[in-house]
């Protein structure tokens, strides 16, 4: 029987051990599963690069945040996903994250275009097994929250650029307009101008920033 090789990268060891124990103990019809664990960006990167020279992983499971809040190393699972796409393009990439907002999910699909996305609050034994079976059948797998975010974004006929997307995201985090400008490398007047354009694009009349945020959420941008 064939063996499906999986790499699980997460800075919380209990999480990856959970994936390992569940998947290796599950009964699959056509294959067995072997899960390797990496607890940091560097460890994951090394394993991915080594697999390129030996046997690439069938599936790579990536958390987004791979560092503690006080860490100076801010490299994320998204960065690791980009590397994996370049180094082992035939490996399937699935993000396993607690982040469920449209902004992060859509950003990941723009930069990495993963084969799946699972919101951690929706992960259980059945969904883990279903994910592996689906991915190995060359289909994408998303948990319900992730799929809803993707559908909301796809249903919108409005296209905005990355700067506008960042402005909306920072506003939704409660950051004042004057503090957004240095975060995106623009002047305050530019941010204000883009906000006015977004309100016009979303057909918001005489609305404040909250109205802009709510409409962006309704349209799947946040």
N, C-alpha and C. Protein backbone atom coordinates (compact mmCIF):
# COMPACT_ATOMS: atom_id res chain seq x y z
N UNK A 1 0.85 -1.20 0.00
CA UNK A 1 0.00 0.00 0.00
C UNK A 1 0.88 1.25 0.00
N UNK A 2 0.50 2.25 -0.80
CA UNK A 2 1.28 3.48 -0.89
C UNK A 2 1.21 4.27 0.42
N UNK A 3 2.22 5.10 0.62
CA UNK A 3 2.26 5.97 1.80
C UNK A 3 2.20 7.42 1.36
N UNK A 4 1.25 8.16 1.90
CA UNK A 4 1.14 9.60 1.66
C UNK A 4 1.98 10.31 2.70
N UNK A 5 2.96 11.09 2.24
CA UNK A 5 3.86 11.79 3.14
C UNK A 5 3.37 13.22 3.35
N UNK A 6 3.19 13.57 4.62
CA UNK A 6 2.67 14.89 4.98
C UNK A 6 3.65 15.60 5.90
N UNK A 7 3.88 16.89 5.64
CA UNK A 7 4.65 17.74 6.55
C UNK A 7 3.70 18.72 7.20
N UNK A 8 3.67 18.75 8.54
CA UNK A 8 2.83 19.68 9.29
C UNK A 8 3.72 20.70 9.98
N UNK A 9 3.53 21.99 9.64
CA UNK A 9 4.35 23.06 10.20
C UNK A 9 3.49 23.96 11.07
N UNK A 10 3.80 24.01 12.36
CA UNK A 10 3.05 24.84 13.31
C UNK A 10 3.94 25.03 14.54
N UNK A 11 3.95 26.25 15.09
CA UNK A 11 4.80 26.50 16.25
C UNK A 11 4.23 25.91 17.53
N UNK A 12 3.01 25.39 17.48
CA UNK A 12 2.42 24.71 18.63
C UNK A 12 2.52 23.20 18.41
N UNK A 13 3.42 22.57 19.15
CA UNK A 13 3.69 21.15 18.94
C UNK A 13 2.46 20.28 19.19
N UNK A 14 1.64 20.65 20.17
CA UNK A 14 0.45 19.85 20.46
C UNK A 14 -0.48 19.80 19.25
N UNK A 15 -0.52 20.89 18.49
CA UNK A 15 -1.37 20.92 17.30
C UNK A 15 -0.89 19.93 16.26
N UNK A 16 0.41 19.98 15.95
CA UNK A 16 0.94 19.07 14.93
C UNK A 16 0.90 17.61 15.39
N UNK A 17 1.12 17.39 16.69
CA UNK A 17 1.02 16.02 17.20
C UNK A 17 -0.41 15.50 17.06
N UNK A 18 -1.38 16.39 17.24
CA UNK A 18 -2.78 16.01 17.05
C UNK A 18 -3.03 15.57 15.61
N UNK A 19 -2.53 16.37 14.66
CA UNK A 19 -2.67 15.99 13.25
C UNK A 19 -2.03 14.62 13.01
N UNK A 20 -0.83 14.46 13.55
CA UNK A 20 -0.05 13.23 13.32
C UNK A 20 -0.80 12.00 13.86
N UNK A 21 -1.23 12.08 15.11
CA UNK A 21 -1.88 10.92 15.73
C UNK A 21 -3.19 10.57 15.03
N UNK A 22 -3.97 11.60 14.70
CA UNK A 22 -5.26 11.35 14.05
C UNK A 22 -5.07 10.75 12.66
N UNK A 23 -4.22 11.37 11.85
CA UNK A 23 -4.08 10.92 10.46
C UNK A 23 -3.37 9.58 10.34
N UNK A 24 -2.35 9.37 11.16
CA UNK A 24 -1.63 8.09 11.07
C UNK A 24 -2.47 6.94 11.61
N UNK A 25 -3.46 7.26 12.44
CA UNK A 25 -4.33 6.22 13.02
C UNK A 25 -5.61 6.02 12.21
N UNK A 26 -5.82 6.88 11.20
CA UNK A 26 -7.04 6.78 10.40
C UNK A 26 -6.93 5.67 9.36
N UNK A 27 -8.07 5.11 9.01
CA UNK A 27 -8.11 4.06 7.98
C UNK A 27 -8.46 4.69 6.63
N UNK A 28 -7.50 4.67 5.73
CA UNK A 28 -7.72 5.13 4.37
C UNK A 28 -7.77 3.92 3.44
N UNK A 29 -8.57 4.02 2.41
CA UNK A 29 -8.78 2.87 1.52
C UNK A 29 -7.54 2.52 0.70
N UNK A 30 -6.90 3.54 0.13
CA UNK A 30 -5.85 3.29 -0.86
C UNK A 30 -4.44 3.59 -0.39
N UNK A 31 -4.28 4.09 0.83
CA UNK A 31 -2.94 4.48 1.26
C UNK A 31 -2.84 4.56 2.78
N UNK A 32 -1.61 4.59 3.25
CA UNK A 32 -1.31 4.91 4.64
C UNK A 32 -0.81 6.34 4.69
N UNK A 33 -0.73 6.91 5.88
CA UNK A 33 -0.26 8.28 6.04
C UNK A 33 0.91 8.33 7.01
N UNK A 34 1.93 9.08 6.65
CA UNK A 34 3.08 9.34 7.52
C UNK A 34 3.23 10.85 7.65
N UNK A 35 3.18 11.35 8.89
CA UNK A 35 3.25 12.79 9.14
C UNK A 35 4.57 13.15 9.82
N UNK A 36 5.29 14.10 9.22
CA UNK A 36 6.47 14.68 9.85
C UNK A 36 6.10 16.05 10.39
N UNK A 37 6.83 16.49 11.42
CA UNK A 37 6.50 17.73 12.13
C UNK A 37 7.65 18.72 12.06
N UNK A 38 7.30 20.00 11.90
CA UNK A 38 8.26 21.09 12.00
C UNK A 38 7.64 22.17 12.88
N UNK A 39 8.43 22.70 13.83
CA UNK A 39 7.89 23.64 14.81
C UNK A 39 8.30 25.09 14.55
N UNK A 40 9.00 25.34 13.44
CA UNK A 40 9.44 26.71 13.15
C UNK A 40 9.56 26.91 11.65
N UNK A 41 9.71 28.16 11.25
CA UNK A 41 9.88 28.48 9.83
C UNK A 41 11.12 27.79 9.28
N UNK A 42 12.25 27.94 9.99
CA UNK A 42 13.51 27.38 9.50
C UNK A 42 13.45 25.86 9.40
N UNK A 43 12.86 25.22 10.40
CA UNK A 43 12.74 23.77 10.37
C UNK A 43 11.88 23.32 9.20
N UNK A 44 10.78 24.01 8.98
CA UNK A 44 9.91 23.68 7.85
C UNK A 44 10.61 23.90 6.53
N UNK A 45 11.32 25.01 6.42
CA UNK A 45 12.06 25.32 5.18
C UNK A 45 13.11 24.25 4.89
N UNK A 46 13.85 23.86 5.92
CA UNK A 46 14.88 22.84 5.74
C UNK A 46 14.29 21.51 5.27
N UNK A 47 13.16 21.13 5.87
CA UNK A 47 12.53 19.86 5.49
C UNK A 47 12.00 19.92 4.06
N UNK A 48 11.44 21.06 3.68
CA UNK A 48 10.94 21.21 2.31
C UNK A 48 12.08 21.15 1.30
N UNK A 49 13.17 21.85 1.59
CA UNK A 49 14.32 21.85 0.68
C UNK A 49 14.96 20.47 0.60
N UNK A 50 15.01 19.76 1.72
CA UNK A 50 15.57 18.41 1.70
C UNK A 50 14.68 17.46 0.89
N UNK A 51 13.37 17.64 1.02
CA UNK A 51 12.44 16.77 0.29
C UNK A 51 12.58 16.96 -1.22
N UNK A 52 12.97 18.17 -1.63
CA UNK A 52 13.19 18.43 -3.06
C UNK A 52 14.30 17.53 -3.60
N UNK A 53 15.30 17.27 -2.76
CA UNK A 53 16.45 16.47 -3.18
C UNK A 53 16.20 14.97 -2.99
N UNK A 54 15.14 14.63 -2.29
CA UNK A 54 14.84 13.21 -2.04
C UNK A 54 13.45 12.87 -2.56
N UNK A 55 12.47 12.84 -1.66
CA UNK A 55 11.09 12.56 -2.07
C UNK A 55 10.19 13.70 -1.58
N UNK A 56 9.65 14.51 -2.47
CA UNK A 56 8.80 15.62 -2.05
C UNK A 56 7.57 15.14 -1.27
N UNK A 57 7.14 15.96 -0.33
CA UNK A 57 5.93 15.63 0.43
C UNK A 57 4.72 15.66 -0.50
N UNK A 58 3.76 14.82 -0.21
CA UNK A 58 2.51 14.86 -0.96
C UNK A 58 1.67 16.06 -0.54
N UNK A 59 1.64 16.32 0.76
CA UNK A 59 0.85 17.44 1.31
C UNK A 59 1.69 18.18 2.34
N UNK A 60 1.62 19.51 2.30
CA UNK A 60 2.28 20.35 3.31
C UNK A 60 1.20 21.16 4.02
N UNK A 61 1.08 20.98 5.34
CA UNK A 61 0.11 21.70 6.16
C UNK A 61 0.82 22.87 6.82
N UNK A 62 0.30 24.08 6.62
CA UNK A 62 0.97 25.28 7.11
C UNK A 62 0.07 26.12 8.00
N UNK A 63 0.56 26.43 9.19
CA UNK A 63 -0.06 27.48 10.00
C UNK A 63 0.41 28.81 9.45
N UNK A 64 -0.32 29.89 9.69
CA UNK A 64 0.11 31.20 9.20
C UNK A 64 1.14 31.81 10.14
N UNK A 65 0.80 31.90 11.42
CA UNK A 65 1.72 32.53 12.38
C UNK A 65 2.65 31.48 12.96
N UNK A 66 3.92 31.60 12.65
CA UNK A 66 4.91 30.62 13.09
C UNK A 66 5.87 31.20 14.12
N UNK A 67 5.44 32.25 14.82
CA UNK A 67 6.31 32.90 15.79
C UNK A 67 5.49 33.41 16.96
N UNK A 68 6.14 33.59 18.10
CA UNK A 68 5.48 34.16 19.27
C UNK A 68 5.40 35.68 19.10
N UNK A 69 4.46 36.34 19.79
CA UNK A 69 4.31 37.79 19.64
C UNK A 69 5.58 38.59 19.91
N UNK A 70 6.43 38.09 20.82
CA UNK A 70 7.65 38.83 21.17
C UNK A 70 8.83 38.49 20.26
N UNK A 71 8.65 37.58 19.32
CA UNK A 71 9.74 37.16 18.45
C UNK A 71 10.12 38.24 17.44
N UNK A 72 11.40 38.34 17.14
CA UNK A 72 11.87 39.26 16.10
C UNK A 72 11.74 38.64 14.71
N UNK A 73 11.59 37.34 14.65
CA UNK A 73 11.44 36.63 13.38
C UNK A 73 9.96 36.65 12.99
N UNK A 74 9.62 37.48 12.01
CA UNK A 74 8.23 37.66 11.62
C UNK A 74 7.85 36.87 10.36
N UNK A 75 8.67 35.92 9.96
CA UNK A 75 8.35 35.13 8.77
C UNK A 75 7.16 34.22 9.06
N UNK A 76 6.29 34.11 8.09
CA UNK A 76 5.02 33.42 8.30
C UNK A 76 4.90 32.16 7.44
N UNK A 77 3.80 31.46 7.67
CA UNK A 77 3.50 30.31 6.84
C UNK A 77 3.23 30.70 5.39
N UNK A 78 2.79 31.95 5.19
CA UNK A 78 2.61 32.43 3.82
C UNK A 78 3.95 32.48 3.10
N UNK A 79 4.97 33.01 3.78
CA UNK A 79 6.32 33.04 3.21
C UNK A 79 6.81 31.62 2.90
N UNK A 80 6.51 30.71 3.80
CA UNK A 80 6.93 29.32 3.61
C UNK A 80 6.16 28.68 2.45
N UNK A 81 4.90 29.05 2.32
CA UNK A 81 4.10 28.54 1.21
C UNK A 81 4.63 28.98 -0.14
N UNK A 82 5.10 30.23 -0.21
CA UNK A 82 5.70 30.74 -1.45
C UNK A 82 6.95 29.94 -1.80
N UNK A 83 7.77 29.66 -0.78
CA UNK A 83 8.98 28.85 -1.00
C UNK A 83 8.61 27.45 -1.47
N UNK A 84 7.62 26.86 -0.84
CA UNK A 84 7.20 25.50 -1.21
C UNK A 84 6.70 25.46 -2.65
N UNK A 85 5.96 26.47 -3.06
CA UNK A 85 5.47 26.52 -4.44
C UNK A 85 6.64 26.53 -5.43
N UNK A 86 7.72 27.22 -5.06
CA UNK A 86 8.88 27.32 -5.94
C UNK A 86 9.72 26.05 -5.92
N UNK A 87 9.93 25.49 -4.72
CA UNK A 87 10.86 24.37 -4.56
C UNK A 87 10.23 23.01 -4.87
N UNK A 88 9.00 22.82 -4.43
CA UNK A 88 8.33 21.52 -4.64
C UNK A 88 6.93 21.77 -5.21
N UNK A 89 6.85 22.19 -6.47
CA UNK A 89 5.57 22.60 -7.05
C UNK A 89 4.51 21.51 -7.11
N UNK A 90 4.92 20.26 -7.02
CA UNK A 90 3.94 19.17 -7.07
C UNK A 90 3.36 18.83 -5.70
N UNK A 91 3.94 19.38 -4.65
CA UNK A 91 3.38 19.16 -3.31
C UNK A 91 2.11 19.99 -3.14
N UNK A 92 1.10 19.42 -2.53
CA UNK A 92 -0.14 20.13 -2.27
C UNK A 92 0.01 20.94 -0.98
N UNK A 93 -0.48 22.17 -0.97
CA UNK A 93 -0.35 23.05 0.18
C UNK A 93 -1.73 23.34 0.77
N UNK A 94 -1.86 23.10 2.07
CA UNK A 94 -3.11 23.38 2.78
C UNK A 94 -2.80 24.24 4.00
N UNK A 95 -3.46 25.38 4.13
CA UNK A 95 -3.27 26.22 5.31
C UNK A 95 -4.22 25.79 6.41
N UNK A 96 -3.69 25.72 7.63
CA UNK A 96 -4.45 25.33 8.81
C UNK A 96 -4.31 26.49 9.80
N UNK A 97 -5.30 27.37 9.86
CA UNK A 97 -5.11 28.60 10.62
C UNK A 97 -6.35 28.98 11.42
N UNK A 98 -6.12 29.72 12.49
CA UNK A 98 -7.24 30.26 13.27
C UNK A 98 -7.81 31.51 12.61
N UNK A 99 -7.09 32.08 11.64
CA UNK A 99 -7.57 33.27 10.95
C UNK A 99 -8.70 32.89 10.00
N UNK A 100 -9.82 33.61 10.13
CA UNK A 100 -10.98 33.30 9.29
C UNK A 100 -11.52 34.52 8.56
N UNK A 101 -10.81 35.66 8.63
CA UNK A 101 -11.30 36.86 7.97
C UNK A 101 -11.01 36.81 6.47
N UNK A 102 -11.89 37.46 5.71
CA UNK A 102 -11.77 37.46 4.25
C UNK A 102 -10.44 38.02 3.79
N UNK A 103 -9.96 39.07 4.46
CA UNK A 103 -8.73 39.73 4.02
C UNK A 103 -7.57 38.75 3.99
N UNK A 104 -7.35 38.05 5.08
CA UNK A 104 -6.22 37.12 5.14
C UNK A 104 -6.39 35.95 4.18
N UNK A 105 -7.59 35.39 4.15
CA UNK A 105 -7.82 34.24 3.28
C UNK A 105 -7.61 34.62 1.81
N UNK A 106 -8.18 35.75 1.40
CA UNK A 106 -8.03 36.16 0.00
C UNK A 106 -6.59 36.53 -0.32
N UNK A 107 -5.87 37.11 0.64
CA UNK A 107 -4.47 37.44 0.42
C UNK A 107 -3.64 36.18 0.21
N UNK A 108 -3.95 35.13 0.96
CA UNK A 108 -3.24 33.86 0.81
C UNK A 108 -3.50 33.26 -0.57
N UNK A 109 -4.72 33.38 -1.04
CA UNK A 109 -5.02 32.82 -2.36
C UNK A 109 -4.35 33.61 -3.48
N UNK A 110 -4.13 34.89 -3.26
CA UNK A 110 -3.41 35.69 -4.25
C UNK A 110 -1.94 35.35 -4.29
N UNK A 111 -1.34 35.13 -3.12
CA UNK A 111 0.11 34.96 -3.05
C UNK A 111 0.57 33.52 -3.19
N UNK A 112 -0.19 32.57 -2.66
CA UNK A 112 0.24 31.17 -2.64
C UNK A 112 -0.65 30.28 -3.51
N UNK A 113 -1.94 30.63 -3.60
CA UNK A 113 -2.92 29.80 -4.31
C UNK A 113 -2.88 28.36 -3.78
N UNK A 114 -3.21 28.17 -2.51
CA UNK A 114 -3.12 26.84 -1.90
C UNK A 114 -4.18 25.88 -2.43
N UNK A 115 -3.98 24.62 -2.11
CA UNK A 115 -4.92 23.59 -2.52
C UNK A 115 -6.03 23.39 -1.49
N UNK A 116 -5.91 24.07 -0.35
CA UNK A 116 -6.93 23.96 0.67
C UNK A 116 -6.72 24.96 1.79
N UNK A 117 -7.78 25.20 2.56
CA UNK A 117 -7.70 26.10 3.72
C UNK A 117 -8.68 25.58 4.76
N UNK A 118 -8.15 25.32 5.97
CA UNK A 118 -8.97 24.85 7.07
C UNK A 118 -8.87 25.83 8.23
N UNK A 119 -10.02 26.34 8.68
CA UNK A 119 -10.05 27.18 9.87
C UNK A 119 -9.99 26.26 11.08
N UNK A 120 -9.06 26.53 12.00
CA UNK A 120 -8.79 25.59 13.09
C UNK A 120 -10.00 25.27 13.95
N UNK A 121 -10.88 26.26 14.12
CA UNK A 121 -12.06 26.01 14.95
C UNK A 121 -13.01 24.99 14.31
N UNK A 122 -12.81 24.71 13.02
CA UNK A 122 -13.67 23.76 12.31
C UNK A 122 -13.00 22.40 12.11
N UNK A 123 -11.76 22.27 12.57
CA UNK A 123 -11.02 21.02 12.35
C UNK A 123 -11.38 19.97 13.40
N UNK A 124 -11.71 18.80 12.93
CA UNK A 124 -11.90 17.65 13.81
C UNK A 124 -11.38 16.41 13.08
N UNK A 125 -11.54 15.26 13.69
CA UNK A 125 -11.01 14.02 13.11
C UNK A 125 -11.59 13.75 11.72
N UNK A 126 -12.89 13.96 11.58
CA UNK A 126 -13.54 13.68 10.30
C UNK A 126 -13.08 14.62 9.20
N UNK A 127 -12.96 15.91 9.53
CA UNK A 127 -12.55 16.88 8.51
C UNK A 127 -11.10 16.70 8.11
N UNK A 128 -10.24 16.31 9.05
CA UNK A 128 -8.84 16.04 8.71
C UNK A 128 -8.75 14.89 7.72
N UNK A 129 -9.47 13.83 7.99
CA UNK A 129 -9.45 12.67 7.09
C UNK A 129 -10.03 13.05 5.74
N UNK A 130 -11.13 13.80 5.74
CA UNK A 130 -11.76 14.21 4.48
C UNK A 130 -10.83 15.10 3.67
N UNK A 131 -10.09 15.96 4.36
CA UNK A 131 -9.14 16.84 3.67
C UNK A 131 -8.10 16.03 2.92
N UNK A 132 -7.49 15.06 3.58
CA UNK A 132 -6.44 14.25 2.94
C UNK A 132 -7.01 13.49 1.75
N UNK A 133 -8.17 12.88 1.93
CA UNK A 133 -8.79 12.12 0.83
C UNK A 133 -9.11 13.02 -0.35
N UNK A 134 -9.63 14.21 -0.07
CA UNK A 134 -10.00 15.14 -1.14
C UNK A 134 -8.76 15.65 -1.87
N UNK A 135 -7.76 16.06 -1.12
CA UNK A 135 -6.53 16.58 -1.73
C UNK A 135 -5.84 15.51 -2.56
N UNK A 136 -5.81 14.29 -2.09
CA UNK A 136 -5.16 13.21 -2.83
C UNK A 136 -5.95 12.80 -4.08
N UNK A 137 -7.20 13.24 -4.16
CA UNK A 137 -8.00 13.05 -5.37
C UNK A 137 -7.91 14.26 -6.29
N UNK A 138 -6.92 15.12 -6.01
CA UNK A 138 -6.65 16.30 -6.84
C UNK A 138 -7.80 17.30 -6.86
N UNK A 139 -8.49 17.42 -5.74
CA UNK A 139 -9.54 18.42 -5.58
C UNK A 139 -9.17 19.34 -4.42
N UNK A 140 -9.71 20.54 -4.43
CA UNK A 140 -9.44 21.49 -3.35
C UNK A 140 -10.33 21.17 -2.15
N UNK A 141 -9.85 21.53 -0.95
CA UNK A 141 -10.64 21.29 0.26
C UNK A 141 -10.66 22.55 1.12
N UNK A 142 -11.87 22.99 1.49
CA UNK A 142 -12.04 24.15 2.36
C UNK A 142 -13.07 23.83 3.43
N UNK A 143 -12.82 24.29 4.64
CA UNK A 143 -13.86 24.21 5.66
C UNK A 143 -14.90 25.28 5.37
N UNK A 144 -16.03 25.23 6.06
CA UNK A 144 -17.19 26.06 5.71
C UNK A 144 -16.89 27.55 5.76
N UNK A 145 -16.21 28.01 6.81
CA UNK A 145 -15.92 29.44 6.95
C UNK A 145 -15.02 29.92 5.82
N UNK A 146 -13.99 29.14 5.51
CA UNK A 146 -13.08 29.51 4.43
C UNK A 146 -13.81 29.55 3.09
N UNK A 147 -14.65 28.58 2.84
CA UNK A 147 -15.39 28.53 1.59
C UNK A 147 -16.34 29.72 1.46
N UNK A 148 -16.97 30.11 2.56
CA UNK A 148 -17.87 31.26 2.54
C UNK A 148 -17.12 32.54 2.19
N UNK A 149 -15.91 32.69 2.74
CA UNK A 149 -15.09 33.87 2.45
C UNK A 149 -14.72 33.92 0.97
N UNK A 150 -14.35 32.78 0.42
CA UNK A 150 -13.97 32.72 -0.99
C UNK A 150 -15.17 33.04 -1.88
N UNK A 151 -16.32 32.51 -1.55
CA UNK A 151 -17.52 32.75 -2.36
C UNK A 151 -17.96 34.20 -2.32
N UNK A 152 -17.87 34.83 -1.14
CA UNK A 152 -18.25 36.24 -1.04
C UNK A 152 -17.37 37.10 -1.93
N UNK A 153 -16.08 36.80 -1.91
CA UNK A 153 -15.15 37.58 -2.73
C UNK A 153 -15.38 37.35 -4.22
N UNK A 154 -15.64 36.11 -4.60
CA UNK A 154 -15.85 35.79 -6.01
C UNK A 154 -17.14 36.38 -6.54
N UNK A 155 -18.12 36.59 -5.66
CA UNK A 155 -19.42 37.10 -6.10
C UNK A 155 -19.39 38.61 -6.35
N UNK A 156 -18.34 39.29 -5.91
CA UNK A 156 -18.24 40.73 -6.10
C UNK A 156 -17.68 41.05 -7.48
N UNK A 157 -18.31 41.99 -8.18
CA UNK A 157 -17.82 42.39 -9.49
C UNK A 157 -16.90 43.61 -9.40
N UNK A 158 -16.57 44.01 -8.17
CA UNK A 158 -15.68 45.16 -7.95
C UNK A 158 -14.26 44.67 -7.74
N UNK A 159 -13.32 45.32 -8.39
CA UNK A 159 -11.91 44.99 -8.24
C UNK A 159 -11.18 46.17 -7.62
N UNK A 160 -10.44 45.94 -6.53
CA UNK A 160 -9.64 47.00 -5.93
C UNK A 160 -8.19 46.53 -5.86
N UNK A 161 -7.27 47.49 -5.79
CA UNK A 161 -5.86 47.11 -5.79
C UNK A 161 -5.37 46.82 -4.37
N UNK A 162 -4.11 46.43 -4.27
CA UNK A 162 -3.55 45.99 -2.99
C UNK A 162 -3.53 47.12 -1.96
N UNK A 163 -3.25 48.35 -2.40
CA UNK A 163 -3.22 49.47 -1.47
C UNK A 163 -4.59 49.72 -0.86
N UNK A 164 -5.62 49.69 -1.70
CA UNK A 164 -6.98 49.85 -1.18
C UNK A 164 -7.34 48.73 -0.21
N UNK A 165 -6.91 47.52 -0.53
CA UNK A 165 -7.18 46.38 0.35
C UNK A 165 -6.53 46.57 1.71
N UNK A 166 -5.30 47.07 1.69
CA UNK A 166 -4.58 47.30 2.95
C UNK A 166 -5.25 48.40 3.77
N UNK A 167 -5.70 49.44 3.11
CA UNK A 167 -6.39 50.53 3.82
C UNK A 167 -7.64 50.00 4.51
N UNK A 168 -8.42 49.21 3.80
CA UNK A 168 -9.63 48.63 4.39
C UNK A 168 -9.29 47.75 5.58
N UNK A 169 -8.25 46.95 5.45
CA UNK A 169 -7.87 46.05 6.54
C UNK A 169 -7.45 46.84 7.77
N UNK A 170 -6.59 47.84 7.60
CA UNK A 170 -6.11 48.62 8.75
C UNK A 170 -7.27 49.39 9.40
N UNK A 171 -8.19 49.91 8.60
CA UNK A 171 -9.36 50.58 9.16
C UNK A 171 -10.18 49.60 10.01
N UNK A 172 -10.31 48.38 9.52
CA UNK A 172 -11.10 47.38 10.25
C UNK A 172 -10.44 46.98 11.56
N UNK A 173 -9.12 47.22 11.67
CA UNK A 173 -8.39 46.92 12.90
C UNK A 173 -8.40 48.09 13.88
N UNK A 174 -9.14 49.15 13.53
CA UNK A 174 -9.27 50.31 14.41
C UNK A 174 -8.13 51.30 14.31
N UNK A 175 -7.33 51.22 13.26
CA UNK A 175 -6.19 52.13 13.08
C UNK A 175 -6.67 53.41 12.42
N UNK A 176 -6.28 54.55 12.98
CA UNK A 176 -6.69 55.85 12.44
C UNK A 176 -6.04 56.11 11.09
N UNK A 177 -6.72 56.91 10.29
CA UNK A 177 -6.23 57.21 8.94
C UNK A 177 -4.82 57.78 8.97
N UNK A 178 -4.54 58.67 9.90
CA UNK A 178 -3.21 59.29 9.96
C UNK A 178 -2.11 58.28 10.26
N UNK A 179 -2.48 57.17 10.89
CA UNK A 179 -1.49 56.14 11.22
C UNK A 179 -1.38 55.08 10.13
N UNK A 180 -2.33 55.07 9.20
CA UNK A 180 -2.29 54.09 8.11
C UNK A 180 -1.25 54.48 7.07
N UNK A 181 -1.13 55.79 6.82
CA UNK A 181 -0.23 56.27 5.76
C UNK A 181 1.17 55.68 5.83
N UNK A 182 1.87 55.75 6.99
CA UNK A 182 3.22 55.17 7.04
C UNK A 182 3.23 53.65 6.91
N UNK A 183 2.13 53.00 7.27
CA UNK A 183 2.07 51.54 7.18
C UNK A 183 2.04 51.05 5.74
N UNK A 184 1.51 51.88 4.84
CA UNK A 184 1.42 51.47 3.44
C UNK A 184 2.32 52.31 2.54
N UNK A 185 3.14 53.18 3.16
CA UNK A 185 4.09 53.97 2.39
C UNK A 185 3.45 55.05 1.54
N UNK A 186 2.40 55.69 2.06
CA UNK A 186 1.70 56.74 1.33
C UNK A 186 1.51 57.96 2.22
N UNK A 187 1.09 59.06 1.61
CA UNK A 187 0.81 60.28 2.35
C UNK A 187 -0.62 60.23 2.89
N UNK A 188 -0.89 61.03 3.93
CA UNK A 188 -2.24 61.08 4.50
C UNK A 188 -3.27 61.48 3.45
N UNK A 189 -2.90 62.44 2.59
CA UNK A 189 -3.83 62.90 1.56
C UNK A 189 -4.17 61.77 0.58
N UNK A 190 -3.20 60.91 0.32
CA UNK A 190 -3.44 59.77 -0.57
C UNK A 190 -4.42 58.79 0.05
N UNK A 191 -4.23 58.51 1.34
CA UNK A 191 -5.13 57.60 2.04
C UNK A 191 -6.55 58.16 2.06
N UNK A 192 -6.68 59.45 2.37
CA UNK A 192 -8.00 60.08 2.39
C UNK A 192 -8.64 60.01 1.00
N UNK A 193 -7.85 60.25 -0.03
CA UNK A 193 -8.37 60.20 -1.39
C UNK A 193 -8.84 58.81 -1.77
N UNK A 194 -8.07 57.80 -1.38
CA UNK A 194 -8.45 56.42 -1.67
C UNK A 194 -9.72 56.03 -0.91
N UNK A 195 -9.86 56.52 0.32
CA UNK A 195 -11.07 56.23 1.09
C UNK A 195 -12.29 56.82 0.39
N UNK A 196 -12.16 58.05 -0.13
CA UNK A 196 -13.27 58.67 -0.85
C UNK A 196 -13.64 57.86 -2.10
N UNK A 197 -12.61 57.39 -2.80
CA UNK A 197 -12.85 56.59 -4.00
C UNK A 197 -13.54 55.27 -3.66
N UNK A 198 -13.12 54.66 -2.55
CA UNK A 198 -13.74 53.40 -2.13
C UNK A 198 -15.20 53.60 -1.76
N UNK A 199 -15.49 54.71 -1.07
CA UNK A 199 -16.88 54.99 -0.71
C UNK A 199 -17.74 55.20 -1.95
N UNK A 200 -17.16 55.87 -2.95
CA UNK A 200 -17.89 56.07 -4.21
C UNK A 200 -18.08 54.73 -4.93
N UNK A 201 -17.04 53.91 -4.93
CA UNK A 201 -17.10 52.60 -5.58
C UNK A 201 -18.14 51.70 -4.94
N UNK A 202 -18.23 51.78 -3.60
CA UNK A 202 -19.20 50.96 -2.86
C UNK A 202 -20.56 51.64 -2.74
N UNK A 203 -20.69 52.81 -3.36
CA UNK A 203 -21.95 53.57 -3.36
C UNK A 203 -22.38 53.94 -1.95
N UNK A 204 -21.42 54.41 -1.15
CA UNK A 204 -21.69 54.86 0.22
C UNK A 204 -21.81 56.38 0.19
N UNK A 205 -22.96 56.89 0.57
CA UNK A 205 -23.18 58.33 0.55
C UNK A 205 -23.22 58.86 1.99
N UNK A 206 -22.37 59.82 2.26
CA UNK A 206 -22.31 60.48 3.57
C UNK A 206 -22.03 59.49 4.70
N UNK A 207 -21.30 58.43 4.41
CA UNK A 207 -20.99 57.44 5.43
C UNK A 207 -19.63 57.66 6.05
N UNK A 208 -19.47 57.19 7.29
CA UNK A 208 -18.18 57.28 7.96
C UNK A 208 -17.35 56.03 7.68
N UNK A 209 -16.22 55.90 8.38
CA UNK A 209 -15.34 54.75 8.15
C UNK A 209 -16.02 53.43 8.51
N UNK A 210 -16.90 53.46 9.52
CA UNK A 210 -17.60 52.24 9.91
C UNK A 210 -18.50 51.74 8.78
N UNK A 211 -19.16 52.67 8.10
CA UNK A 211 -20.00 52.29 6.96
C UNK A 211 -19.16 51.68 5.85
N UNK A 212 -17.96 52.23 5.64
CA UNK A 212 -17.05 51.69 4.63
C UNK A 212 -16.60 50.28 5.00
N UNK A 213 -16.26 50.09 6.27
CA UNK A 213 -15.82 48.77 6.74
C UNK A 213 -16.94 47.74 6.59
N UNK A 214 -18.15 48.12 6.99
CA UNK A 214 -19.28 47.18 6.91
C UNK A 214 -19.59 46.79 5.47
N UNK A 215 -19.51 47.76 4.57
CA UNK A 215 -19.78 47.46 3.17
C UNK A 215 -18.69 46.59 2.57
N UNK A 216 -17.44 46.84 2.98
CA UNK A 216 -16.32 46.01 2.51
C UNK A 216 -16.49 44.57 2.98
N UNK A 217 -16.99 44.39 4.21
CA UNK A 217 -17.25 43.04 4.72
C UNK A 217 -18.37 42.37 3.92
N UNK A 218 -19.43 43.13 3.65
CA UNK A 218 -20.55 42.57 2.90
C UNK A 218 -20.14 42.11 1.51
N UNK A 219 -19.16 42.81 0.94
CA UNK A 219 -18.71 42.50 -0.42
C UNK A 219 -17.54 41.51 -0.44
N UNK A 220 -17.13 41.05 0.74
CA UNK A 220 -16.11 40.01 0.80
C UNK A 220 -14.68 40.48 0.78
N UNK A 221 -14.45 41.78 1.04
CA UNK A 221 -13.08 42.29 1.05
C UNK A 221 -12.45 42.23 2.44
N UNK A 222 -13.26 42.01 3.46
CA UNK A 222 -12.76 41.92 4.84
C UNK A 222 -13.37 40.70 5.53
